[in-house]
C-alpha atoms as a PDB file:
ATOM      1  CA  UNK A   1       0.000   0.000   0.000  1.00  0.00           C
ATOM      2  CA  UNK A   2       1.512   3.319  -1.062  1.00  0.00           C
ATOM      3  CA  UNK A   3       1.854   6.000   1.544  1.00  0.00           C
ATOM      4  CA  UNK A   4       1.947   9.740   0.939  1.00  0.00           C
ATOM      5  CA  UNK A   5       5.393  11.123   1.718  1.00  0.00           C
ATOM      6  CA  UNK A   6       3.836  13.619   4.158  1.00  0.00           C
ATOM      7  CA  UNK A   7       1.600  11.027   5.879  1.00  0.00           C
ATOM      8  CA  UNK A   8       2.348   9.990   9.420  1.00  0.00           C
ATOM      9  CA  UNK A   9       3.735   6.544   9.976  1.00  0.00           C
ATOM     10  CA  UNK A  10       2.257   3.763  12.083  1.00  0.00           C
ATOM     11  CA  UNK A  11       4.707   0.947  12.741  1.00  0.00           C
ATOM     12  CA  UNK A  12       3.270  -2.183  14.331  1.00  0.00           C
ATOM     13  CA  UNK A  13       5.425  -4.852  15.937  1.00  0.00           C
ATOM     14  CA  UNK A  14       3.995  -8.336  16.093  1.00  0.00           C
ATOM     15  CA  UNK A  15       5.226 -11.748  17.039  1.00  0.00           C
ATOM     16  CA  UNK A  16       4.888 -14.543  19.509  1.00  0.00           C
ATOM     17  CA  UNK A  17       5.153 -14.212  23.275  1.00  0.00           C
ATOM     18  CA  UNK A  18       8.683 -13.327  24.281  1.00  0.00           C
ATOM     19  CA  UNK A  19       9.641 -11.934  20.862  1.00  0.00           C
ATOM     20  CA  UNK A  20      10.532  -8.570  22.416  1.00  0.00           C
ATOM     21  CA  UNK A  21       7.739  -6.443  20.973  1.00  0.00           C
ATOM     22  CA  UNK A  22       7.423  -4.125  23.970  1.00  0.00           C
ATOM     23  CA  UNK A  23      11.138  -3.730  24.622  1.00  0.00           C
ATOM     24  CA  UNK A  24      11.994  -3.210  20.959  1.00  0.00           C
ATOM     25  CA  UNK A  25       8.932  -1.002  20.512  1.00  0.00           C
ATOM     26  CA  UNK A  26      10.073   1.419  23.206  1.00  0.00           C
ATOM     27  CA  UNK A  27      13.577   1.593  21.729  1.00  0.00           C
ATOM     28  CA  UNK A  28      12.271   1.980  18.180  1.00  0.00           C
ATOM     29  CA  UNK A  29       9.888   4.779  19.186  1.00  0.00           C
ATOM     30  CA  UNK A  30      12.787   6.599  20.836  1.00  0.00           C
ATOM     31  CA  UNK A  31      14.954   6.120  17.749  1.00  0.00           C
ATOM     32  CA  UNK A  32      12.175   7.363  15.438  1.00  0.00           C
ATOM     33  CA  UNK A  33      11.125  10.170  17.819  1.00  0.00           C
ATOM     34  CA  UNK A  34       7.519   9.065  18.008  1.00  0.00           C
ATOM     35  CA  UNK A  35       4.914   7.820  20.472  1.00  0.00           C
ATOM     36  CA  UNK A  36       4.866   4.221  21.695  1.00  0.00           C
ATOM     37  CA  UNK A  37       1.867   2.149  22.764  1.00  0.00           C
ATOM     38  CA  UNK A  38       1.835  -1.397  24.066  1.00  0.00           C
ATOM     39  CA  UNK A  39      -1.639  -2.731  23.226  1.00  0.00           C
ATOM     40  CA  UNK A  40      -1.761  -4.941  26.329  1.00  0.00           C
ATOM     41  CA  UNK A  41      -0.973  -1.895  28.516  1.00  0.00           C
ATOM     42  CA  UNK A  42      -3.668   0.131  26.729  1.00  0.00           C
ATOM     43  CA  UNK A  43      -6.147  -2.673  27.463  1.00  0.00           C
ATOM     44  CA  UNK A  44      -5.116  -2.905  31.118  1.00  0.00           C
ATOM     45  CA  UNK A  45      -5.555   0.843  31.575  1.00  0.00           C
ATOM     46  CA  UNK A  46      -8.965   0.828  29.869  1.00  0.00           C
ATOM     47  CA  UNK A  47     -10.261  -2.218  31.717  1.00  0.00           C
ATOM     48  CA  UNK A  48      -8.552  -1.570  35.075  1.00  0.00           C
ATOM     49  CA  UNK A  49      -7.521  -5.246  35.101  1.00  0.00           C
ATOM     50  CA  UNK A  50      -4.425  -7.124  34.024  1.00  0.00           C
ATOM     51  CA  UNK A  51      -4.533  -9.249  30.883  1.00  0.00           C
ATOM     52  CA  UNK A  52      -4.265 -12.324  33.129  1.00  0.00           C
ATOM     53  CA  UNK A  53      -7.278 -11.149  35.168  1.00  0.00           C
ATOM     54  CA  UNK A  54      -9.320 -10.565  32.013  1.00  0.00           C
ATOM     55  CA  UNK A  55      -8.467 -14.066  30.751  1.00  0.00           C
ATOM     56  CA  UNK A  56      -9.327 -15.575  34.143  1.00  0.00           C
ATOM     57  CA  UNK A  57     -12.624 -13.743  34.645  1.00  0.00           C
ATOM     58  CA  UNK A  58     -13.917 -13.428  31.072  1.00  0.00           C
ATOM     59  CA  UNK A  59     -12.024 -15.920  28.906  1.00  0.00           C
ATOM     60  CA  UNK A  60      -9.967 -15.577  25.764  1.00  0.00           C
ATOM     61  CA  UNK A  61     -12.886 -14.760  23.432  1.00  0.00           C
ATOM     62  CA  UNK A  62     -13.879 -11.730  25.518  1.00  0.00           C
ATOM     63  CA  UNK A  63     -10.253 -10.654  25.778  1.00  0.00           C
ATOM     64  CA  UNK A  64      -9.941 -10.791  21.968  1.00  0.00           C
ATOM     65  CA  UNK A  65     -13.075  -8.630  21.627  1.00  0.00           C
ATOM     66  CA  UNK A  66     -11.640  -6.083  24.079  1.00  0.00           C
ATOM     67  CA  UNK A  67      -8.284  -6.236  22.278  1.00  0.00           C
ATOM     68  CA  UNK A  68      -9.846  -5.518  18.861  1.00  0.00           C
ATOM     69  CA  UNK A  69     -11.842  -2.603  20.262  1.00  0.00           C
ATOM     70  CA  UNK A  70      -8.744  -1.142  21.948  1.00  0.00           C
ATOM     71  CA  UNK A  71      -6.702  -1.437  18.737  1.00  0.00           C
ATOM     72  CA  UNK A  72      -9.442   0.221  16.663  1.00  0.00           C
ATOM     73  CA  UNK A  73      -9.690   3.078  19.163  1.00  0.00           C
ATOM     74  CA  UNK A  74      -5.924   3.504  19.282  1.00  0.00           C
ATOM     75  CA  UNK A  75      -5.683   3.645  15.495  1.00  0.00           C
ATOM     76  CA  UNK A  76      -8.551   6.143  15.277  1.00  0.00           C
ATOM     77  CA  UNK A  77      -7.457   8.367  18.169  1.00  0.00           C
ATOM     78  CA  UNK A  78      -3.748   8.593  17.390  1.00  0.00           C
ATOM     79  CA  UNK A  79      -3.684   8.649  13.595  1.00  0.00           C
ATOM     80  CA  UNK A  80      -2.936  10.737  11.633  1.00  0.00           C
ATOM     81  CA  UNK A  81      -1.877  13.148  14.396  1.00  0.00           C
ATOM     82  CA  UNK A  82       1.589  11.700  14.911  1.00  0.00           C
ATOM     83  CA  UNK A  83       3.970   8.906  14.049  1.00  0.00           C
ATOM     84  CA  UNK A  84       3.610   5.967  16.379  1.00  0.00           C
ATOM     85  CA  UNK A  85       4.906   2.519  17.190  1.00  0.00           C
ATOM     86  CA  UNK A  86       2.473  -0.079  18.518  1.00  0.00           C
ATOM     87  CA  UNK A  87       3.440  -3.403  20.108  1.00  0.00           C
ATOM     88  CA  UNK A  88       0.634  -5.919  19.650  1.00  0.00           C
ATOM     89  CA  UNK A  89      -0.091  -8.809  21.956  1.00  0.00           C
ATOM     90  CA  UNK A  90       0.975 -12.186  20.567  1.00  0.00           C
ATOM     91  CA  UNK A  91      -2.505 -13.129  19.331  1.00  0.00           C
ATOM     92  CA  UNK A  92      -3.721  -9.748  18.071  1.00  0.00           C
ATOM     93  CA  UNK A  93      -2.413 -10.085  14.501  1.00  0.00           C
ATOM     94  CA  UNK A  94      -3.974 -13.538  14.210  1.00  0.00           C
ATOM     95  CA  UNK A  95      -7.429 -11.925  14.361  1.00  0.00           C
ATOM     96  CA  UNK A  96      -8.527 -11.056  10.817  1.00  0.00           C
ATOM     97  CA  UNK A  97     -10.416  -7.921  11.892  1.00  0.00           C
ATOM     98  CA  UNK A  98      -7.240  -6.571  13.492  1.00  0.00           C
ATOM     99  CA  UNK A  99      -5.195  -7.204  10.340  1.00  0.00           C
ATOM    100  CA  UNK A 100      -7.856  -5.415   8.313  1.00  0.00           C
ATOM    101  CA  UNK A 101      -7.898  -2.437  10.718  1.00  0.00           C
ATOM    102  CA  UNK A 102      -4.104  -2.191  10.456  1.00  0.00           C
ATOM    103  CA  UNK A 103      -4.248  -2.344   6.670  1.00  0.00           C
ATOM    104  CA  UNK A 104      -6.903   0.383   6.503  1.00  0.00           C
ATOM    105  CA  UNK A 105      -4.761   2.528   8.823  1.00  0.00           C
ATOM    106  CA  UNK A 106      -1.777   2.048   6.496  1.00  0.00           C
ATOM    107  CA  UNK A 107       0.235   0.432   9.275  1.00  0.00           C
ATOM    108  CA  UNK A 108       3.658  -0.998   8.500  1.00  0.00           C
ATOM    109  CA  UNK A 109       3.816  -4.429  10.118  1.00  0.00           C
ATOM    110  CA  UNK A 110       7.065  -5.905  11.402  1.00  0.00           C
ATOM    111  CA  UNK A 111       7.329  -9.469  12.678  1.00  0.00           C
ATOM    112  CA  UNK A 112       9.904 -10.069  15.394  1.00  0.00           C
ATOM    113  CA  UNK A 113      11.042 -13.680  15.143  1.00  0.00           C
ATOM    114  CA  UNK A 114      13.055 -16.041  17.315  1.00  0.00           C
ATOM    115  CA  UNK A 115      13.254 -19.830  17.629  1.00  0.00           C
ATOM    116  CA  UNK A 116      10.562 -21.480  19.757  1.00  0.00           C
ATOM    117  CA  UNK A 117      13.064 -22.615  22.411  1.00  0.00           C
ATOM    118  CA  UNK A 118      14.339 -19.038  22.804  1.00  0.00           C
ATOM    119  CA  UNK A 119      10.812 -17.643  23.099  1.00  0.00           C
ATOM    120  CA  UNK A 120       9.985 -20.227  25.766  1.00  0.00           C
ATOM    121  CA  UNK A 121      13.183 -19.354  27.648  1.00  0.00           C
ATOM    122  CA  UNK A 122      12.401 -15.639  27.533  1.00  0.00           C
ATOM    123  CA  UNK A 123       8.835 -16.173  28.760  1.00  0.00           C
ATOM    124  CA  UNK A 124       9.889 -18.419  31.631  1.00  0.00           C
ATOM    125  CA  UNK A 125      12.597 -16.009  32.782  1.00  0.00           C
ATOM    126  CA  UNK A 126      10.331 -12.982  33.239  1.00  0.00           C
ATOM    127  CA  UNK A 127       7.960 -12.229  36.087  1.00  0.00           C
ATOM    128  CA  UNK A 128       5.029 -11.293  33.819  1.00  0.00           C
ATOM    129  CA  UNK A 129       2.121 -13.747  33.921  1.00  0.00           C
ATOM    130  CA  UNK A 130       1.277 -14.971  30.424  1.00  0.00           C
ATOM    131  CA  UNK A 131      -1.998 -16.905  30.516  1.00  0.00           C
ATOM    132  CA  UNK A 132      -1.329 -18.772  27.259  1.00  0.00           C
ATOM    133  CA  UNK A 133       2.248 -19.705  28.168  1.00  0.00           C
ATOM    134  CA  UNK A 134       1.451 -21.766  31.236  1.00  0.00           C
ATOM    135  CA  UNK A 135       1.530 -25.145  29.500  1.00  0.00           C
ATOM    136  CA  UNK A 136       4.386 -26.139  27.220  1.00  0.00           C
ATOM    137  CA  UNK A 137       2.184 -28.167  24.852  1.00  0.00           C
ATOM    138  CA  UNK A 138      -0.257 -25.265  24.437  1.00  0.00           C
ATOM    139  CA  UNK A 139       2.672 -22.871  23.936  1.00  0.00           C
ATOM    140  CA  UNK A 140       4.051 -25.069  21.129  1.00  0.00           C
ATOM    141  CA  UNK A 141       0.617 -25.452  19.503  1.00  0.00           C
ATOM    142  CA  UNK A 142      -0.025 -21.703  19.545  1.00  0.00           C
ATOM    143  CA  UNK A 143       3.381 -21.010  18.020  1.00  0.00           C
ATOM    144  CA  UNK A 144       2.677 -23.426  15.167  1.00  0.00           C
ATOM    145  CA  UNK A 145      -0.889 -22.163  14.649  1.00  0.00           C
ATOM    146  CA  UNK A 146       0.112 -18.497  14.472  1.00  0.00           C
ATOM    147  CA  UNK A 147       3.008 -18.825  12.045  1.00  0.00           C
ATOM    148  CA  UNK A 148       0.902 -18.524   8.876  1.00  0.00           C
ATOM    149  CA  UNK A 149      -0.749 -15.312  10.083  1.00  0.00           C
ATOM    150  CA  UNK A 150       2.553 -13.871  11.263  1.00  0.00           C
ATOM    151  CA  UNK A 151       3.993 -14.528   7.797  1.00  0.00           C
ATOM    152  CA  UNK A 152       1.595 -11.861   6.466  1.00  0.00           C
ATOM    153  CA  UNK A 153       3.686  -9.105   8.083  1.00  0.00           C
ATOM    154  CA  UNK A 154       5.390  -6.758   5.637  1.00  0.00           C
ATOM    155  CA  UNK A 155       8.822  -7.103   7.248  1.00  0.00           C
ATOM    156  CA  UNK A 156      10.441  -9.882   9.270  1.00  0.00           C
ATOM    157  CA  UNK A 157      13.332  -9.355  11.676  1.00  0.00           C
ATOM    158  CA  UNK A 158      15.222 -12.101  13.479  1.00  0.00           C
ATOM    159  CA  UNK A 159      15.917 -11.144  17.104  1.00  0.00           C
ATOM    160  CA  UNK A 160      18.058 -14.077  18.263  1.00  0.00           C
ATOM    161  CA  UNK A 161      21.529 -13.004  19.310  1.00  0.00           C
ATOM    162  CA  UNK A 162      20.880  -9.296  18.689  1.00  0.00           C
ATOM    163  CA  UNK A 163      20.650  -6.438  21.133  1.00  0.00           C
ATOM    164  CA  UNK A 164      17.544  -4.279  21.359  1.00  0.00           C
ATOM    165  CA  UNK A 165      19.538  -1.446  19.772  1.00  0.00           C
ATOM    166  CA  UNK A 166      20.595  -3.644  16.843  1.00  0.00           C
ATOM    167  CA  UNK A 167      17.020  -4.792  16.256  1.00  0.00           C
ATOM    168  CA  UNK A 168      15.667  -1.236  16.419  1.00  0.00           C
ATOM    169  CA  UNK A 169      18.323   0.020  14.013  1.00  0.00           C
ATOM    170  CA  UNK A 170      17.548  -2.825  11.594  1.00  0.00           C
ATOM    171  CA  UNK A 171      13.849  -1.937  11.637  1.00  0.00           C
ATOM    172  CA  UNK A 172      14.651   1.749  11.110  1.00  0.00           C
ATOM    173  CA  UNK A 173      16.761   0.818   8.062  1.00  0.00           C
ATOM    174  CA  UNK A 174      13.896  -1.273   6.659  1.00  0.00           C
ATOM    175  CA  UNK A 175      11.463   1.612   7.202  1.00  0.00           C
ATOM    176  CA  UNK A 176      13.800   4.100   5.549  1.00  0.00           C
ATOM    177  CA  UNK A 177      14.274   1.811   2.559  1.00  0.00           C
ATOM    178  CA  UNK A 178      10.502   1.375   2.283  1.00  0.00           C
ATOM    179  CA  UNK A 179       9.984   5.139   2.499  1.00  0.00           C
ATOM    180  CA  UNK A 180      12.391   5.673  -0.400  1.00  0.00           C
ATOM    181  CA  UNK A 181      10.501   3.032  -2.419  1.00  0.00           C
ATOM    182  CA  UNK A 182       7.165   4.782  -1.822  1.00  0.00           C
ATOM    183  CA  UNK A 183       8.502   8.224  -2.705  1.00  0.00           C
ATOM    184  CA  UNK A 184      10.101   7.105  -5.991  1.00  0.00           C
END
């Protein structure tokens, strides 16, 4: 999708749990001098509950409904006022309505990838409660099920063995190259 050279940019990071979307998103937003939003944090602020609490009290289907509504509101409220970087939750891009909303908004999607074993290690080493990462079998099944949807991202960046700064710089280079393509 072509973008006007003067249009504001919406960069969306997606990937599986533990891919580094939030950490890289913050660094990328700083590098690009734009606003950063973590969709899970937006949801928690709106709902006054953690993602884990929403899953526990209302289930995954209700969480996905809340997630889609929060993404739509974020895209409508923040665009085209400023450039922004959004970190999606691991399952947000799998939802067709979310992919469509991102496409309509002209979002540039970037998949952060790492091997399954590395993602599992990252998730188990952090204190954050991830409702869908509690069982190894379910974790593996989700990873396999989401791969086809993740492959729809415009750009793909491997994160294994790279620092946050290296990943952010790589994404910035991809965005700059894409901007040149659009303007030509």
